[in-house]
């Protein structure tokens, strides 16, 4: 999902339901084979609908452009996959949650909404 589509989605949610809470944080998504952290960002928006409290989350991480398999031919040798990440491109994943009894968030299937 591009930045323009994300902002358009936020605008439509705000116009129709209003935004109760908006949060953006930088988190460590994974680690490479050397132990260095791969940083990403999570942006979430909570809003109240007639079906209850909902949350939409956009997870951004650097785009994987290549991968290298590091292995040896020795028995018991270390095998690792080293991903090469883009410096300027990102990939995004959007998730939708509904708050259930007890205050926990349950992930919803977006295809069930249509």
C-alpha atoms as a PDB file:
ATOM      1  CA  UNK A   1       0.000   0.000   0.000  1.00  0.00           C
ATOM      2  CA  UNK A   2       1.488   3.302  -1.082  1.00  0.00           C
ATOM      3  CA  UNK A   3       1.720   6.344   1.186  1.00  0.00           C
ATOM      4  CA  UNK A   4      -1.004   8.144  -0.800  1.00  0.00           C
ATOM      5  CA  UNK A   5      -3.449   5.230  -0.490  1.00  0.00           C
ATOM      6  CA  UNK A   6      -2.687   4.920   3.243  1.00  0.00           C
ATOM      7  CA  UNK A   7      -3.339   8.632   3.827  1.00  0.00           C
ATOM      8  CA  UNK A   8      -6.555   8.369   1.771  1.00  0.00           C
ATOM      9  CA  UNK A   9      -7.683   5.417   3.920  1.00  0.00           C
ATOM     10  CA  UNK A  10      -6.954   7.354   7.114  1.00  0.00           C
ATOM     11  CA  UNK A  11      -8.901  10.342   5.765  1.00  0.00           C
ATOM     12  CA  UNK A  12     -11.933   8.152   4.956  1.00  0.00           C
ATOM     13  CA  UNK A  13     -11.857   6.497   8.403  1.00  0.00           C
ATOM     14  CA  UNK A  14     -11.572   9.870  10.125  1.00  0.00           C
ATOM     15  CA  UNK A  15     -14.421  11.297   8.062  1.00  0.00           C
ATOM     16  CA  UNK A  16     -16.765   8.357   8.649  1.00  0.00           C
ATOM     17  CA  UNK A  17     -15.933   7.184  12.191  1.00  0.00           C
ATOM     18  CA  UNK A  18     -13.408   9.550  13.752  1.00  0.00           C
ATOM     19  CA  UNK A  19     -10.009   8.477  15.039  1.00  0.00           C
ATOM     20  CA  UNK A  20      -9.765   7.550  18.721  1.00  0.00           C
ATOM     21  CA  UNK A  21      -6.016   6.898  18.808  1.00  0.00           C
ATOM     22  CA  UNK A  22      -3.130   7.168  16.326  1.00  0.00           C
ATOM     23  CA  UNK A  23       0.300   5.706  17.002  1.00  0.00           C
ATOM     24  CA  UNK A  24       3.551   5.419  15.037  1.00  0.00           C
ATOM     25  CA  UNK A  25       6.597   3.602  16.361  1.00  0.00           C
ATOM     26  CA  UNK A  26       9.907   2.293  15.112  1.00  0.00           C
ATOM     27  CA  UNK A  27      10.571  -1.371  15.962  1.00  0.00           C
ATOM     28  CA  UNK A  28      13.129  -4.058  15.197  1.00  0.00           C
ATOM     29  CA  UNK A  29      11.470  -6.353  12.651  1.00  0.00           C
ATOM     30  CA  UNK A  30      14.199  -9.007  12.405  1.00  0.00           C
ATOM     31  CA  UNK A  31      17.946  -9.617  12.547  1.00  0.00           C
ATOM     32  CA  UNK A  32      20.407 -10.466   9.820  1.00  0.00           C
ATOM     33  CA  UNK A  33      22.965 -13.288  10.016  1.00  0.00           C
ATOM     34  CA  UNK A  34      25.490 -10.974  11.697  1.00  0.00           C
ATOM     35  CA  UNK A  35      23.046 -10.107  14.489  1.00  0.00           C
ATOM     36  CA  UNK A  36      22.369  -6.567  13.313  1.00  0.00           C
ATOM     37  CA  UNK A  37      18.798  -5.380  13.746  1.00  0.00           C
ATOM     38  CA  UNK A  38      16.558  -4.600  10.778  1.00  0.00           C
ATOM     39  CA  UNK A  39      14.380  -1.646  11.702  1.00  0.00           C
ATOM     40  CA  UNK A  40      10.830  -1.106  10.504  1.00  0.00           C
ATOM     41  CA  UNK A  41       7.874   0.993  11.556  1.00  0.00           C
ATOM     42  CA  UNK A  42       4.354   0.219  12.694  1.00  0.00           C
ATOM     43  CA  UNK A  43       1.608   2.799  12.292  1.00  0.00           C
ATOM     44  CA  UNK A  44      -1.741   2.014  13.896  1.00  0.00           C
ATOM     45  CA  UNK A  45      -5.107   3.743  14.067  1.00  0.00           C
ATOM     46  CA  UNK A  46      -7.947   2.873  16.440  1.00  0.00           C
ATOM     47  CA  UNK A  47     -11.542   3.878  15.700  1.00  0.00           C
ATOM     48  CA  UNK A  48     -15.043   3.015  16.867  1.00  0.00           C
ATOM     49  CA  UNK A  49     -17.566   1.544  14.414  1.00  0.00           C
ATOM     50  CA  UNK A  50     -21.101   0.196  14.832  1.00  0.00           C
ATOM     51  CA  UNK A  51     -19.464  -3.273  14.986  1.00  0.00           C
ATOM     52  CA  UNK A  52     -17.210  -2.259  17.892  1.00  0.00           C
ATOM     53  CA  UNK A  53     -13.695  -0.950  18.400  1.00  0.00           C
ATOM     54  CA  UNK A  54     -11.408  -1.568  15.403  1.00  0.00           C
ATOM     55  CA  UNK A  55      -7.703  -1.091  14.746  1.00  0.00           C
ATOM     56  CA  UNK A  56      -5.882  -0.932  11.421  1.00  0.00           C
ATOM     57  CA  UNK A  57      -2.137  -1.443  11.379  1.00  0.00           C
ATOM     58  CA  UNK A  58       0.434  -0.744   8.648  1.00  0.00           C
ATOM     59  CA  UNK A  59       3.759  -2.525   9.037  1.00  0.00           C
ATOM     60  CA  UNK A  60       6.628  -1.154   6.950  1.00  0.00           C
ATOM     61  CA  UNK A  61       9.994  -2.792   6.461  1.00  0.00           C
ATOM     62  CA  UNK A  62      12.878  -2.448   3.994  1.00  0.00           C
ATOM     63  CA  UNK A  63      12.256  -4.298   0.733  1.00  0.00           C
ATOM     64  CA  UNK A  64      14.259  -7.498   0.226  1.00  0.00           C
ATOM     65  CA  UNK A  65      16.129  -7.244  -3.059  1.00  0.00           C
ATOM     66  CA  UNK A  66      18.327 -10.360  -2.842  1.00  0.00           C
ATOM     67  CA  UNK A  67      19.229 -13.258  -0.591  1.00  0.00           C
ATOM     68  CA  UNK A  68      22.445 -15.184  -0.098  1.00  0.00           C
ATOM     69  CA  UNK A  69      22.587 -18.688   1.333  1.00  0.00           C
ATOM     70  CA  UNK A  70      25.665 -19.062   3.510  1.00  0.00           C
ATOM     71  CA  UNK A  71      26.630 -22.700   4.061  1.00  0.00           C
ATOM     72  CA  UNK A  72      29.542 -25.074   4.282  1.00  0.00           C
ATOM     73  CA  UNK A  73      29.983 -28.606   2.947  1.00  0.00           C
ATOM     74  CA  UNK A  74      31.154 -29.881   6.328  1.00  0.00           C
ATOM     75  CA  UNK A  75      28.970 -32.037   8.507  1.00  0.00           C
ATOM     76  CA  UNK A  76      27.369 -29.941  11.210  1.00  0.00           C
ATOM     77  CA  UNK A  77      28.333 -26.722   9.471  1.00  0.00           C
ATOM     78  CA  UNK A  78      26.367 -23.526   9.964  1.00  0.00           C
ATOM     79  CA  UNK A  79      23.716 -22.677   7.386  1.00  0.00           C
ATOM     80  CA  UNK A  80      22.282 -19.166   7.264  1.00  0.00           C
ATOM     81  CA  UNK A  81      20.318 -17.012   4.855  1.00  0.00           C
ATOM     82  CA  UNK A  82      21.505 -13.430   4.562  1.00  0.00           C
ATOM     83  CA  UNK A  83      18.976 -11.021   3.049  1.00  0.00           C
ATOM     84  CA  UNK A  84      20.035  -7.867   1.243  1.00  0.00           C
ATOM     85  CA  UNK A  85      17.676  -4.970   1.945  1.00  0.00           C
ATOM     86  CA  UNK A  86      17.024  -1.892  -0.152  1.00  0.00           C
ATOM     87  CA  UNK A  87      18.223   1.431   1.233  1.00  0.00           C
ATOM     88  CA  UNK A  88      15.291   3.485  -0.054  1.00  0.00           C
ATOM     89  CA  UNK A  89      12.430   1.106  -0.971  1.00  0.00           C
ATOM     90  CA  UNK A  90       9.964  -0.272   1.565  1.00  0.00           C
ATOM     91  CA  UNK A  91       7.291  -2.949   1.543  1.00  0.00           C
ATOM     92  CA  UNK A  92       4.096  -2.617   3.557  1.00  0.00           C
ATOM     93  CA  UNK A  93       1.577  -4.990   5.064  1.00  0.00           C
ATOM     94  CA  UNK A  94      -1.829  -3.885   6.357  1.00  0.00           C
ATOM     95  CA  UNK A  95      -3.727  -5.763   9.070  1.00  0.00           C
ATOM     96  CA  UNK A  96      -7.189  -5.174  10.516  1.00  0.00           C
ATOM     97  CA  UNK A  97      -8.134  -6.036  14.098  1.00  0.00           C
ATOM     98  CA  UNK A  98     -11.372  -6.048  16.099  1.00  0.00           C
ATOM     99  CA  UNK A  99     -11.438  -5.720  19.861  1.00  0.00           C
ATOM    100  CA  UNK A 100     -13.114  -8.680  21.555  1.00  0.00           C
ATOM    101  CA  UNK A 101     -14.292  -9.089  25.121  1.00  0.00           C
ATOM    102  CA  UNK A 102     -11.443  -8.736  27.571  1.00  0.00           C
ATOM    103  CA  UNK A 103      -9.775  -5.958  25.553  1.00  0.00           C
ATOM    104  CA  UNK A 104      -7.749  -8.264  23.308  1.00  0.00           C
ATOM    105  CA  UNK A 105      -7.311  -7.634  19.587  1.00  0.00           C
ATOM    106  CA  UNK A 106      -8.429 -10.356  17.157  1.00  0.00           C
ATOM    107  CA  UNK A 107      -7.119 -10.197  13.585  1.00  0.00           C
ATOM    108  CA  UNK A 108      -9.829 -10.083  10.943  1.00  0.00           C
ATOM    109  CA  UNK A 109      -9.763 -11.349   7.385  1.00  0.00           C
ATOM    110  CA  UNK A 110     -10.088  -8.297   5.144  1.00  0.00           C
ATOM    111  CA  UNK A 111     -11.761 -10.324   2.376  1.00  0.00           C
ATOM    112  CA  UNK A 112     -14.710 -11.015   4.717  1.00  0.00           C
ATOM    113  CA  UNK A 113     -15.604  -7.309   4.748  1.00  0.00           C
ATOM    114  CA  UNK A 114     -16.718  -7.130   1.123  1.00  0.00           C
END
